[in-house]
């Protein structure tokens, strides 16, 4: 994939400047706000999206989010925002 080597170098430089562990800039990041909202960053792709389950590909495997009335409120290539009643989260 063109540019992937450049992206890796940028991530490593960012990690170094922010004094993060090596490779941390490319790691999946999940921020939960209570049980009503989840911001998921640096995922690799969307596998499944229903009102009860969301599955995302991530570097270490599959992230699963189970709940009730789940909705993708916002989404771009780097992050997505899920709202609804979040009942469980399974990390890769």
Foldseek 3Di string as FASTA:
>chain_A
DPPPVVVLVVQQVVCVVVVHPGPPSQFWDWDDDAQFKIKIFNFDAWDDDDQAWTWTHHPVGIKIWGAHRWDFPDDDRTMTMIGHGTDDIDDD
